[in-house]
Structures are given as C-alpha cells and as structure tokens.
Amino acid sequence: LLGDSAILRKLITTDTLSHTFFYGPPGCGKTTLARVIATLLDKPFYE
C-alpha cells in the first residue's frame, strides 16, 4: 500500500485520498497511518 509506486501512497501524497476504511490485525499500524495522513495533509485530527 505504501511502497514507492503503491496506490495508497500516491493518493496520500497527491492529496486525492477520499474517505477510507482500513482493516487488519492489531498492531499493524492502522491508527498510526491515519495520524500520519492527518500530519501530511495538515488536517486537524480527531480520534
């Protein structure tokens, strides 16, 4: 998802990410990824 040519990275870095849902096992980085996206897009973060 986040490799150099991966689609999710492209959506984030070009600020074209739409509403998104992540799923996966505990501790794989779902919350952290959401925080990183908020930081990169300079958006106030509410959890």
All heavy atoms as atom14 arrays in JSON, in Angstrom:
{
  "sequence": "LLGDSAILRKLITTDTLSHTFFYGPPGCGKTTLARVIATLLDKPFYE",
  "atom14_mask": [
    [1, 1, 1, 1, 1, 1, 1, 1, 0, 0, 0, 0, 0, 0],
    [1, 1, 1, 1, 1, 1, 1, 1, 0, 0, 0, 0, 0, 0],
    [1, 1, 1, 1, 0, 0, 0, 0, 0, 0, 0, 0, 0, 0],
    [1, 1, 1, 1, 1, 1, 1, 1, 0, 0, 0, 0, 0, 0],
    [1, 1, 1, 1, 1, 1, 0, 0, 0, 0, 0, 0, 0, 0],
    [1, 1, 1, 1, 1, 0, 0, 0, 0, 0, 0, 0, 0, 0],
    [1, 1, 1, 1, 1, 1, 1, 1, 0, 0, 0, 0, 0, 0],
    [1, 1, 1, 1, 1, 1, 1, 1, 0, 0, 0, 0, 0, 0],
    [1, 1, 1, 1, 1, 1, 1, 1, 1, 1, 1, 0, 0, 0],
    [1, 1, 1, 1, 1, 1, 1, 1, 1, 0, 0, 0, 0, 0],
    [1, 1, 1, 1, 1, 1, 1, 1, 0, 0, 0, 0, 0, 0],
    [1, 1, 1, 1, 1, 1, 1, 1, 0, 0, 0, 0, 0, 0],
    [1, 1, 1, 1, 1, 1, 1, 0, 0, 0, 0, 0, 0, 0],
    [1, 1, 1, 1, 1, 1, 1, 0, 0, 0, 0, 0, 0, 0],
    [1, 1, 1, 1, 1, 1, 1, 1, 0, 0, 0, 0, 0, 0],
    [1, 1, 1, 1, 1, 1, 1, 0, 0, 0, 0, 0, 0, 0],
    [1, 1, 1, 1, 1, 1, 1, 1, 0, 0, 0, 0, 0, 0],
    [1, 1, 1, 1, 1, 1, 0, 0, 0, 0, 0, 0, 0, 0],
    [1, 1, 1, 1, 1, 1, 1, 1, 1, 1, 0, 0, 0, 0],
    [1, 1, 1, 1, 1, 1, 1, 0, 0, 0, 0, 0, 0, 0],
    [1, 1, 1, 1, 1, 1, 1, 1, 1, 1, 1, 0, 0, 0],
    [1, 1, 1, 1, 1, 1, 1, 1, 1, 1, 1, 0, 0, 0],
    [1, 1, 1, 1, 1, 1, 1, 1, 1, 1, 1, 1, 0, 0],
    [1, 1, 1, 1, 0, 0, 0, 0, 0, 0, 0, 0, 0, 0],
    [1, 1, 1, 1, 1, 1, 1, 0, 0, 0, 0, 0, 0, 0],
    [1, 1, 1, 1, 1, 1, 1, 0, 0, 0, 0, 0, 0, 0],
    [1, 1, 1, 1, 0, 0, 0, 0, 0, 0, 0, 0, 0, 0],
    [1, 1, 1, 1, 1, 1, 0, 0, 0, 0, 0, 0, 0, 0],
    [1, 1, 1, 1, 0, 0, 0, 0, 0, 0, 0, 0, 0, 0],
    [1, 1, 1, 1, 1, 1, 1, 1, 1, 0, 0, 0, 0, 0],
    [1, 1, 1, 1, 1, 1, 1, 0, 0, 0, 0, 0, 0, 0],
    [1, 1, 1, 1, 1, 1, 1, 0, 0, 0, 0, 0, 0, 0],
    [1, 1, 1, 1, 1, 1, 1, 1, 0, 0, 0, 0, 0, 0],
    [1, 1, 1, 1, 1, 0, 0, 0, 0, 0, 0, 0, 0, 0],
    [1, 1, 1, 1, 1, 1, 1, 1, 1, 1, 1, 0, 0, 0],
    [1, 1, 1, 1, 1, 1, 1, 0, 0, 0, 0, 0, 0, 0],
    [1, 1, 1, 1, 1, 1, 1, 1, 0, 0, 0, 0, 0, 0],
    [1, 1, 1, 1, 1, 0, 0, 0, 0, 0, 0, 0, 0, 0],
    [1, 1, 1, 1, 1, 1, 1, 0, 0, 0, 0, 0, 0, 0],
    [1, 1, 1, 1, 1, 1, 1, 1, 0, 0, 0, 0, 0, 0],
    [1, 1, 1, 1, 1, 1, 1, 1, 0, 0, 0, 0, 0, 0],
    [1, 1, 1, 1, 1, 1, 1, 1, 0, 0, 0, 0, 0, 0],
    [1, 1, 1, 1, 1, 1, 1, 1, 1, 0, 0, 0, 0, 0],
    [1, 1, 1, 1, 1, 1, 1, 0, 0, 0, 0, 0, 0, 0],
    [1, 1, 1, 1, 1, 1, 1, 1, 1, 1, 1, 0, 0, 0],
    [1, 1, 1, 1, 1, 1, 1, 1, 1, 1, 1, 1, 0, 0],
    [1, 1, 1, 1, 1, 1, 1, 1, 1, 0, 0, 0, 0, 0]
  ],
  "atom14_positions": [
    [[0.81, -1.22, 0.0], [0.0, 0.0, 0.0], [0.84, 1.27, 0.0], [0.41, 2.3, -0.53], [-0.92, 0.02, 1.23], [-1.98, -1.07, 1.35], [-2.74, -0.92, 2.66], [-2.94, -1.02, 0.17], [0.0, 0.0, 0.0], [0.0, 0.0, 0.0], [0.0, 0.0, 0.0], [0.0, 0.0, 0.0], [0.0, 0.0, 0.0], [0.0, 0.0, 0.0]],
    [[2.04, 1.18, 0.61], [2.82, 2.4, 0.84], [4.17, 2.4, 0.15], [4.99, 3.28, 0.38], [3.02, 2.6, 2.35], [1.73, 2.73, 3.17], [2.04, 2.76, 4.66], [0.94, 3.97, 2.75], [0.0, 0.0, 0.0], [0.0, 0.0, 0.0], [0.0, 0.0, 0.0], [0.0, 0.0, 0.0], [0.0, 0.0, 0.0], [0.0, 0.0, 0.0]],
    [[4.44, 1.39, -0.7], [5.68, 1.38, -1.47], [5.73, 2.58, -2.42], [4.74, 3.28, -2.61], [0.0, 0.0, 0.0], [0.0, 0.0, 0.0], [0.0, 0.0, 0.0], [0.0, 0.0, 0.0], [0.0, 0.0, 0.0], [0.0, 0.0, 0.0], [0.0, 0.0, 0.0], [0.0, 0.0, 0.0], [0.0, 0.0, 0.0], [0.0, 0.0, 0.0]],
    [[6.88, 2.8, -3.01], [7.08, 3.99, -3.84], [6.03, 4.16, -4.93], [5.63, 5.28, -5.25], [8.48, 3.95, -4.48], [9.57, 4.15, -3.44], [9.26, 4.7, -2.37], [10.72, 3.75, -3.7], [0.0, 0.0, 0.0], [0.0, 0.0, 0.0], [0.0, 0.0, 0.0], [0.0, 0.0, 0.0], [0.0, 0.0, 0.0], [0.0, 0.0, 0.0]],
    [[5.59, 3.06, -5.52], [4.61, 3.15, -6.61], [3.23, 2.63, -6.21], [2.36, 2.45, -7.06], [5.12, 2.37, -7.83], [5.32, 1.0, -7.49], [0.0, 0.0, 0.0], [0.0, 0.0, 0.0], [0.0, 0.0, 0.0], [0.0, 0.0, 0.0], [0.0, 0.0, 0.0], [0.0, 0.0, 0.0], [0.0, 0.0, 0.0], [0.0, 0.0, 0.0]],
    [[3.03, 2.39, -4.92], [1.76, 1.84, -4.43], [0.66, 2.89, -4.49], [0.89, 4.09, -4.29], [1.92, 1.3, -3.02], [0.0, 0.0, 0.0], [0.0, 0.0, 0.0], [0.0, 0.0, 0.0], [0.0, 0.0, 0.0], [0.0, 0.0, 0.0], [0.0, 0.0, 0.0], [0.0, 0.0, 0.0], [0.0, 0.0, 0.0], [0.0, 0.0, 0.0]],
    [[-0.56, 2.44, -4.72], [-1.68, 3.34, -4.96], [-2.02, 4.2, -3.75], [-2.32, 5.4, -3.88], [-2.94, 2.56, -5.43], [-4.07, 3.52, -5.81], [-3.4, 1.58, -4.36], [-3.72, 4.43, -6.96], [0.0, 0.0, 0.0], [0.0, 0.0, 0.0], [0.0, 0.0, 0.0], [0.0, 0.0, 0.0], [0.0, 0.0, 0.0], [0.0, 0.0, 0.0]],
    [[-2.0, 3.63, -2.53], [-2.38, 4.42, -1.36], [-1.39, 5.56, -1.13], [-1.78, 6.69, -0.8], [-2.47, 3.53, -0.12], [-2.9, 4.24, 1.17], [-4.24, 4.95, 1.0], [-2.97, 3.25, 2.33], [0.0, 0.0, 0.0], [0.0, 0.0, 0.0], [0.0, 0.0, 0.0], [0.0, 0.0, 0.0], [0.0, 0.0, 0.0], [0.0, 0.0, 0.0]],
    [[-0.1, 5.29, -1.29], [0.91, 6.35, -1.16], [0.63, 7.47, -2.17], [0.71, 8.66, -1.82], [2.31, 5.8, -1.35], [3.4, 6.89, -1.35], [4.77, 6.32, -1.58], [5.35, 5.76, -0.38], [6.12, 6.43, 0.47], [6.4, 7.7, 0.25], [6.61, 5.84, 1.54], [0.0, 0.0, 0.0], [0.0, 0.0, 0.0], [0.0, 0.0, 0.0]],
    [[0.31, 7.1, -3.39], [0.04, 8.11, -4.41], [-1.17, 8.97, -4.05], [-1.17, 10.19, -4.23], [-0.18, 7.43, -5.77], [1.08, 6.83, -6.38], [0.77, 6.21, -7.73], [2.03, 5.63, -8.38], [1.73, 4.99, -9.68], [0.0, 0.0, 0.0], [0.0, 0.0, 0.0], [0.0, 0.0, 0.0], [0.0, 0.0, 0.0], [0.0, 0.0, 0.0]],
    [[-2.22, 8.32, -3.54], [-3.42, 9.06, -3.16], [-3.13, 10.03, -2.02], [-3.65, 11.15, -1.99], [-4.53, 8.08, -2.73], [-5.15, 7.23, -3.84], [-6.06, 6.17, -3.24], [-5.92, 8.11, -4.82], [0.0, 0.0, 0.0], [0.0, 0.0, 0.0], [0.0, 0.0, 0.0], [0.0, 0.0, 0.0], [0.0, 0.0, 0.0], [0.0, 0.0, 0.0]],
    [[-2.28, 9.61, -1.07], [-1.95, 10.46, 0.07], [-1.07, 11.62, -0.36], [-1.34, 12.79, -0.04], [-1.25, 9.64, 1.17], [-2.19, 8.57, 1.74], [-0.77, 10.56, 2.31], [-1.51, 7.55, 2.63], [0.0, 0.0, 0.0], [0.0, 0.0, 0.0], [0.0, 0.0, 0.0], [0.0, 0.0, 0.0], [0.0, 0.0, 0.0], [0.0, 0.0, 0.0]],
    [[0.0, 11.32, -1.07], [0.98, 12.35, -1.42], [0.46, 13.36, -2.43], [0.97, 14.48, -2.52], [2.28, 11.72, -1.95], [1.97, 10.85, -3.06], [2.96, 10.9, -0.86], [0.0, 0.0, 0.0], [0.0, 0.0, 0.0], [0.0, 0.0, 0.0], [0.0, 0.0, 0.0], [0.0, 0.0, 0.0], [0.0, 0.0, 0.0], [0.0, 0.0, 0.0]],
    [[-0.57, 12.98, -3.18], [-1.17, 13.93, -4.14], [-2.42, 14.59, -3.56], [-3.11, 15.34, -4.26], [-1.55, 13.21, -5.45], [-2.45, 12.13, -5.16], [-0.3, 12.67, -6.14], [0.0, 0.0, 0.0], [0.0, 0.0, 0.0], [0.0, 0.0, 0.0], [0.0, 0.0, 0.0], [0.0, 0.0, 0.0], [0.0, 0.0, 0.0], [0.0, 0.0, 0.0]],
    [[-2.7, 14.31, -2.28], [-3.85, 14.89, -1.59], [-5.16, 14.61, -2.33], [-6.03, 15.47, -2.47], [-3.68, 16.4, -1.39], [-4.65, 16.97, -0.35], [-5.37, 16.17, 0.29], [-4.7, 18.2, -0.2], [0.0, 0.0, 0.0], [0.0, 0.0, 0.0], [0.0, 0.0, 0.0], [0.0, 0.0, 0.0], [0.0, 0.0, 0.0], [0.0, 0.0, 0.0]],
    [[-5.28, 13.39, -2.82], [-6.51, 12.98, -3.52], [-7.21, 11.83, -2.81], [-8.08, 11.18, -3.39], [-6.19, 12.57, -4.98], [-5.17, 11.57, -4.98], [-5.74, 13.77, -5.79], [0.0, 0.0, 0.0], [0.0, 0.0, 0.0], [0.0, 0.0, 0.0], [0.0, 0.0, 0.0], [0.0, 0.0, 0.0], [0.0, 0.0, 0.0], [0.0, 0.0, 0.0]],
    [[-6.81, 11.58, -1.57], [-7.4, 10.47, -0.81], [-8.82, 10.8, -0.41], [-9.1, 11.85, 0.17], [-6.56, 10.18, 0.44], [-7.03, 9.0, 1.3], [-6.83, 7.69, 0.55], [-6.29, 8.97, 2.63], [0.0, 0.0, 0.0], [0.0, 0.0, 0.0], [0.0, 0.0, 0.0], [0.0, 0.0, 0.0], [0.0, 0.0, 0.0], [0.0, 0.0, 0.0]],
    [[-9.73, 9.91, -0.75], [-11.12, 10.05, -0.36], [-11.34, 9.35, 0.98], [-10.41, 8.84, 1.58], [-12.03, 9.46, -1.44], [-13.38, 9.64, -1.11], [0.0, 0.0, 0.0], [0.0, 0.0, 0.0], [0.0, 0.0, 0.0], [0.0, 0.0, 0.0], [0.0, 0.0, 0.0], [0.0, 0.0, 0.0], [0.0, 0.0, 0.0], [0.0, 0.0, 0.0]],
    [[-12.58, 9.35, 1.44], [-12.91, 8.65, 2.68], [-12.44, 7.2, 2.58], [-12.63, 6.54, 1.54], [-14.41, 8.7, 2.95], [-14.97, 10.1, 2.88], [-14.59, 11.1, 3.73], [-15.86, 10.65, 2.01], [-15.24, 12.21, 3.43], [-16.01, 11.96, 2.38], [0.0, 0.0, 0.0], [0.0, 0.0, 0.0], [0.0, 0.0, 0.0], [0.0, 0.0, 0.0]],
    [[-11.83, 6.7, 3.63], [-11.13, 5.41, 3.55], [-11.34, 4.59, 4.81], [-11.4, 5.14, 5.92], [-9.62, 5.65, 3.34], [-9.42, 6.34, 2.1], [-8.86, 4.34, 3.3], [0.0, 0.0, 0.0], [0.0, 0.0, 0.0], [0.0, 0.0, 0.0], [0.0, 0.0, 0.0], [0.0, 0.0, 0.0], [0.0, 0.0, 0.0], [0.0, 0.0, 0.0]],
    [[-11.41, 3.28, 4.62], [-11.51, 2.37, 5.76], [-10.36, 1.36, 5.68], [-10.14, 0.73, 4.64], [-12.86, 1.65, 5.76], [-14.03, 2.59, 5.91], [-14.81, 2.93, 4.82], [-14.32, 3.16, 7.14], [-15.86, 3.83, 4.94], [-15.37, 4.06, 7.28], [-16.14, 4.39, 6.19], [0.0, 0.0, 0.0], [0.0, 0.0, 0.0], [0.0, 0.0, 0.0]],
    [[-9.63, 1.24, 6.79], [-8.54, 0.29, 6.89], [-8.99, -0.89, 7.76], [-9.69, -0.69, 8.76], [-7.3, 0.92, 7.57], [-6.73, 2.09, 6.82], [-6.44, 3.27, 7.49], [-6.47, 2.02, 5.46], [-5.91, 4.36, 6.81], [-5.93, 3.1, 4.78], [-5.65, 4.28, 5.46], [0.0, 0.0, 0.0], [0.0, 0.0, 0.0], [0.0, 0.0, 0.0]],
    [[-8.58, -2.08, 7.39], [-8.79, -3.21, 8.29], [-7.56, -4.11, 8.27], [-6.85, -4.21, 7.28], [-10.06, -4.01, 7.94], [-10.0, -4.83, 6.67], [-9.72, -6.19, 6.72], [-10.25, -4.25, 5.42], [-9.68, -6.96, 5.56], [-10.22, -5.0, 4.26], [-9.94, -6.36, 4.34], [-9.9, -7.11, 3.19], [0.0, 0.0, 0.0], [0.0, 0.0, 0.0]],
    [[-7.31, -4.73, 9.42], [-6.13, -5.58, 9.56], [-5.94, -5.94, 11.02], [-6.63, -5.41, 11.9], [0.0, 0.0, 0.0], [0.0, 0.0, 0.0], [0.0, 0.0, 0.0], [0.0, 0.0, 0.0], [0.0, 0.0, 0.0], [0.0, 0.0, 0.0], [0.0, 0.0, 0.0], [0.0, 0.0, 0.0], [0.0, 0.0, 0.0], [0.0, 0.0, 0.0]],
    [[-5.01, -6.83, 11.32], [-4.81, -7.31, 12.69], [-4.32, -6.2, 13.62], [-3.81, -5.17, 13.17], [-3.76, -8.41, 12.53], [-3.05, -8.07, 11.26], [-4.08, -7.45, 10.37], [0.0, 0.0, 0.0], [0.0, 0.0, 0.0], [0.0, 0.0, 0.0], [0.0, 0.0, 0.0], [0.0, 0.0, 0.0], [0.0, 0.0, 0.0], [0.0, 0.0, 0.0]],
    [[-4.47, -6.39, 14.94], [-3.99, -5.39, 15.89], [-2.49, -5.12, 15.73], [-1.72, -6.02, 15.43], [-4.27, -6.06, 17.26], [-5.36, -7.04, 16.99], [-5.11, -7.54, 15.61], [0.0, 0.0, 0.0], [0.0, 0.0, 0.0], [0.0, 0.0, 0.0], [0.0, 0.0, 0.0], [0.0, 0.0, 0.0], [0.0, 0.0, 0.0], [0.0, 0.0, 0.0]],
    [[-2.11, -3.87, 15.92], [-0.7, -3.52, 15.92], [-0.06, -3.42, 14.56], [1.17, -3.31, 14.45], [0.0, 0.0, 0.0], [0.0, 0.0, 0.0], [0.0, 0.0, 0.0], [0.0, 0.0, 0.0], [0.0, 0.0, 0.0], [0.0, 0.0, 0.0], [0.0, 0.0, 0.0], [0.0, 0.0, 0.0], [0.0, 0.0, 0.0], [0.0, 0.0, 0.0]],
    [[-0.86, -3.41, 13.48], [-0.27, -3.35, 12.14], [-0.12, -1.91, 11.64], [0.43, -1.68, 10.56], [-1.08, -4.18, 11.15], [-2.73, -3.54, 10.8], [0.0, 0.0, 0.0], [0.0, 0.0, 0.0], [0.0, 0.0, 0.0], [0.0, 0.0, 0.0], [0.0, 0.0, 0.0], [0.0, 0.0, 0.0], [0.0, 0.0, 0.0], [0.0, 0.0, 0.0]],
    [[-0.64, -0.93, 12.41], [-0.4, 0.46, 12.07], [-1.58, 1.25, 11.54], [-1.4, 2.3, 10.93], [0.0, 0.0, 0.0], [0.0, 0.0, 0.0], [0.0, 0.0, 0.0], [0.0, 0.0, 0.0], [0.0, 0.0, 0.0], [0.0, 0.0, 0.0], [0.0, 0.0, 0.0], [0.0, 0.0, 0.0], [0.0, 0.0, 0.0], [0.0, 0.0, 0.0]],
    [[-2.8, 0.8, 11.78], [-3.98, 1.48, 11.23], [-4.13, 2.89, 11.8], [-4.28, 3.86, 11.05], [-5.23, 0.64, 11.51], [-5.2, -0.75, 10.89], [-6.48, -1.52, 11.16], [-6.67, -1.88, 12.62], [-5.68, -2.86, 13.11], [0.0, 0.0, 0.0], [0.0, 0.0, 0.0], [0.0, 0.0, 0.0], [0.0, 0.0, 0.0], [0.0, 0.0, 0.0]],
    [[-4.09, 3.0, 13.13], [-4.23, 4.31, 13.77], [-3.06, 5.21, 13.43], [-3.23, 6.41, 13.13], [-4.35, 4.16, 15.29], [-5.43, 3.27, 15.6], [-4.59, 5.51, 15.96], [0.0, 0.0, 0.0], [0.0, 0.0, 0.0], [0.0, 0.0, 0.0], [0.0, 0.0, 0.0], [0.0, 0.0, 0.0], [0.0, 0.0, 0.0], [0.0, 0.0, 0.0]],
    [[-1.87, 4.65, 13.47], [-0.67, 5.43, 13.16], [-0.71, 5.97, 11.74], [-0.37, 7.13, 11.49], [0.59, 4.57, 13.35], [0.68, 4.16, 14.73], [1.84, 5.34, 12.98], [0.0, 0.0, 0.0], [0.0, 0.0, 0.0], [0.0, 0.0, 0.0], [0.0, 0.0, 0.0], [0.0, 0.0, 0.0], [0.0, 0.0, 0.0], [0.0, 0.0, 0.0]],
    [[-1.15, 5.15, 10.81], [-1.25, 5.58, 9.42], [-2.23, 6.74, 9.29], [-1.96, 7.72, 8.57], [-1.69, 4.41, 8.53], [-1.92, 4.72, 7.04], [-0.7, 5.37, 6.41], [-2.29, 3.43, 6.3], [0.0, 0.0, 0.0], [0.0, 0.0, 0.0], [0.0, 0.0, 0.0], [0.0, 0.0, 0.0], [0.0, 0.0, 0.0], [0.0, 0.0, 0.0]],
    [[-3.35, 6.67, 10.0], [-4.33, 7.77, 9.96], [-3.71, 9.05, 10.51], [-3.93, 10.15, 9.97], [-5.57, 7.39, 10.77], [0.0, 0.0, 0.0], [0.0, 0.0, 0.0], [0.0, 0.0, 0.0], [0.0, 0.0, 0.0], [0.0, 0.0, 0.0], [0.0, 0.0, 0.0], [0.0, 0.0, 0.0], [0.0, 0.0, 0.0], [0.0, 0.0, 0.0]],
    [[-2.93, 8.94, 11.58], [-2.26, 10.13, 12.15], [-1.25, 10.72, 11.17], [-1.14, 11.94, 11.03], [-1.56, 9.75, 13.46], [-2.51, 9.51, 14.63], [-1.74, 9.15, 15.89], [-2.62, 9.0, 17.04], [-3.03, 10.01, 17.8], [-2.62, 11.25, 17.53], [-3.83, 9.81, 18.83], [0.0, 0.0, 0.0], [0.0, 0.0, 0.0], [0.0, 0.0, 0.0]],
    [[-0.5, 9.84, 10.51], [0.49, 10.3, 9.53], [-0.21, 11.03, 8.39], [0.25, 12.09, 7.93], [1.32, 9.12, 8.99], [2.16, 9.54, 7.78], [2.23, 8.57, 10.08], [0.0, 0.0, 0.0], [0.0, 0.0, 0.0], [0.0, 0.0, 0.0], [0.0, 0.0, 0.0], [0.0, 0.0, 0.0], [0.0, 0.0, 0.0], [0.0, 0.0, 0.0]],
    [[-1.34, 10.49, 7.93], [-2.09, 11.14, 6.85], [-2.55, 12.53, 7.28], [-2.44, 13.5, 6.53], [-3.3, 10.27, 6.45], [-2.82, 8.97, 5.78], [-4.24, 11.04, 5.52], [-3.93, 7.96, 5.54], [0.0, 0.0, 0.0], [0.0, 0.0, 0.0], [0.0, 0.0, 0.0], [0.0, 0.0, 0.0], [0.0, 0.0, 0.0], [0.0, 0.0, 0.0]],
    [[-3.06, 12.64, 8.52], [-3.5, 13.94, 9.03], [-2.35, 14.94, 9.06], [-2.51, 16.11, 8.7], [-4.1, 13.78, 10.43], [0.0, 0.0, 0.0], [0.0, 0.0, 0.0], [0.0, 0.0, 0.0], [0.0, 0.0, 0.0], [0.0, 0.0, 0.0], [0.0, 0.0, 0.0], [0.0, 0.0, 0.0], [0.0, 0.0, 0.0], [0.0, 0.0, 0.0]],
    [[-1.18, 14.48, 9.47], [0.01, 15.36, 9.52], [0.43, 15.8, 8.13], [0.68, 16.99, 7.88], [1.18, 14.63, 10.21], [0.79, 14.27, 11.55], [2.41, 15.51, 10.26], [0.0, 0.0, 0.0], [0.0, 0.0, 0.0], [0.0, 0.0, 0.0], [0.0, 0.0, 0.0], [0.0, 0.0, 0.0], [0.0, 0.0, 0.0], [0.0, 0.0, 0.0]],
    [[0.5, 14.85, 7.2], [0.94, 15.17, 5.84], [-0.02, 16.11, 5.14], [0.39, 16.98, 4.36], [1.1, 13.88, 5.03], [2.25, 12.95, 5.41], [2.2, 11.68, 4.57], [3.59, 13.66, 5.21], [0.0, 0.0, 0.0], [0.0, 0.0, 0.0], [0.0, 0.0, 0.0], [0.0, 0.0, 0.0], [0.0, 0.0, 0.0], [0.0, 0.0, 0.0]],
    [[-1.31, 15.94, 5.4], [-2.32, 16.77, 4.74], [-2.66, 18.01, 5.56], [-3.55, 18.79, 5.17], [-3.58, 15.95, 4.47], [-3.41, 14.68, 3.62], [-4.75, 14.02, 3.37], [-2.72, 15.0, 2.3], [0.0, 0.0, 0.0], [0.0, 0.0, 0.0], [0.0, 0.0, 0.0], [0.0, 0.0, 0.0], [0.0, 0.0, 0.0], [0.0, 0.0, 0.0]],
    [[-1.98, 18.16, 6.7], [-2.17, 19.32, 7.58], [-3.63, 19.47, 7.99], [-4.23, 20.55, 7.9], [-1.68, 20.59, 6.88], [-1.54, 21.76, 7.85], [-1.32, 21.5, 9.06], [-1.66, 22.92, 7.42], [0.0, 0.0, 0.0], [0.0, 0.0, 0.0], [0.0, 0.0, 0.0], [0.0, 0.0, 0.0], [0.0, 0.0, 0.0], [0.0, 0.0, 0.0]],
    [[-4.21, 18.38, 8.46], [-5.6, 18.39, 8.88], [-5.71, 18.19, 10.39], [-4.99, 17.37, 10.97], [-6.39, 17.26, 8.18], [-6.6, 17.48, 6.69], [-7.42, 16.35, 6.1], [-7.67, 16.57, 4.6], [-8.57, 17.72, 4.37], [0.0, 0.0, 0.0], [0.0, 0.0, 0.0], [0.0, 0.0, 0.0], [0.0, 0.0, 0.0], [0.0, 0.0, 0.0]],
    [[-6.58, 18.91, 11.07], [-6.84, 18.66, 12.49], [-7.3, 17.2, 12.66], [-8.11, 16.71, 11.87], [-7.96, 19.64, 12.84], [-7.85, 20.72, 11.79], [-7.38, 20.04, 10.55], [0.0, 0.0, 0.0], [0.0, 0.0, 0.0], [0.0, 0.0, 0.0], [0.0, 0.0, 0.0], [0.0, 0.0, 0.0], [0.0, 0.0, 0.0], [0.0, 0.0, 0.0]],
    [[-6.8, 16.54, 13.7], [-7.05, 15.1, 13.86], [-7.96, 14.85, 15.05], [-7.7, 15.3, 16.16], [-5.71, 14.37, 14.06], [-5.84, 12.87, 14.15], [-5.96, 12.09, 13.01], [-5.83, 12.23, 15.39], [-6.06, 10.72, 13.08], [-5.93, 10.85, 15.48], [-6.05, 10.09, 14.32], [0.0, 0.0, 0.0], [0.0, 0.0, 0.0], [0.0, 0.0, 0.0]],
    [[-9.04, 14.12, 14.81], [-9.96, 13.73, 15.87], [-10.06, 12.21, 15.88], [-10.34, 11.59, 14.85], [-11.35, 14.33, 15.64], [-11.4, 15.84, 15.82], [-11.09, 16.69, 14.77], [-11.75, 16.39, 17.05], [-11.13, 18.07, 14.92], [-11.8, 17.77, 17.21], [-11.48, 18.6, 16.15], [-11.51, 19.96, 16.32], [0.0, 0.0, 0.0], [0.0, 0.0, 0.0]],
    [[-9.83, 11.62, 17.04], [-9.88, 10.16, 17.17], [-11.08, 9.74, 18.0], [-11.29, 10.23, 19.12], [-8.59, 9.65, 17.82], [-8.52, 8.12, 17.91], [-7.17, 7.63, 18.4], [-6.23, 8.43, 18.51], [-7.06, 6.41, 18.67], [0.0, 0.0, 0.0], [0.0, 0.0, 0.0], [0.0, 0.0, 0.0], [0.0, 0.0, 0.0], [0.0, 0.0, 0.0]]
  ]
}
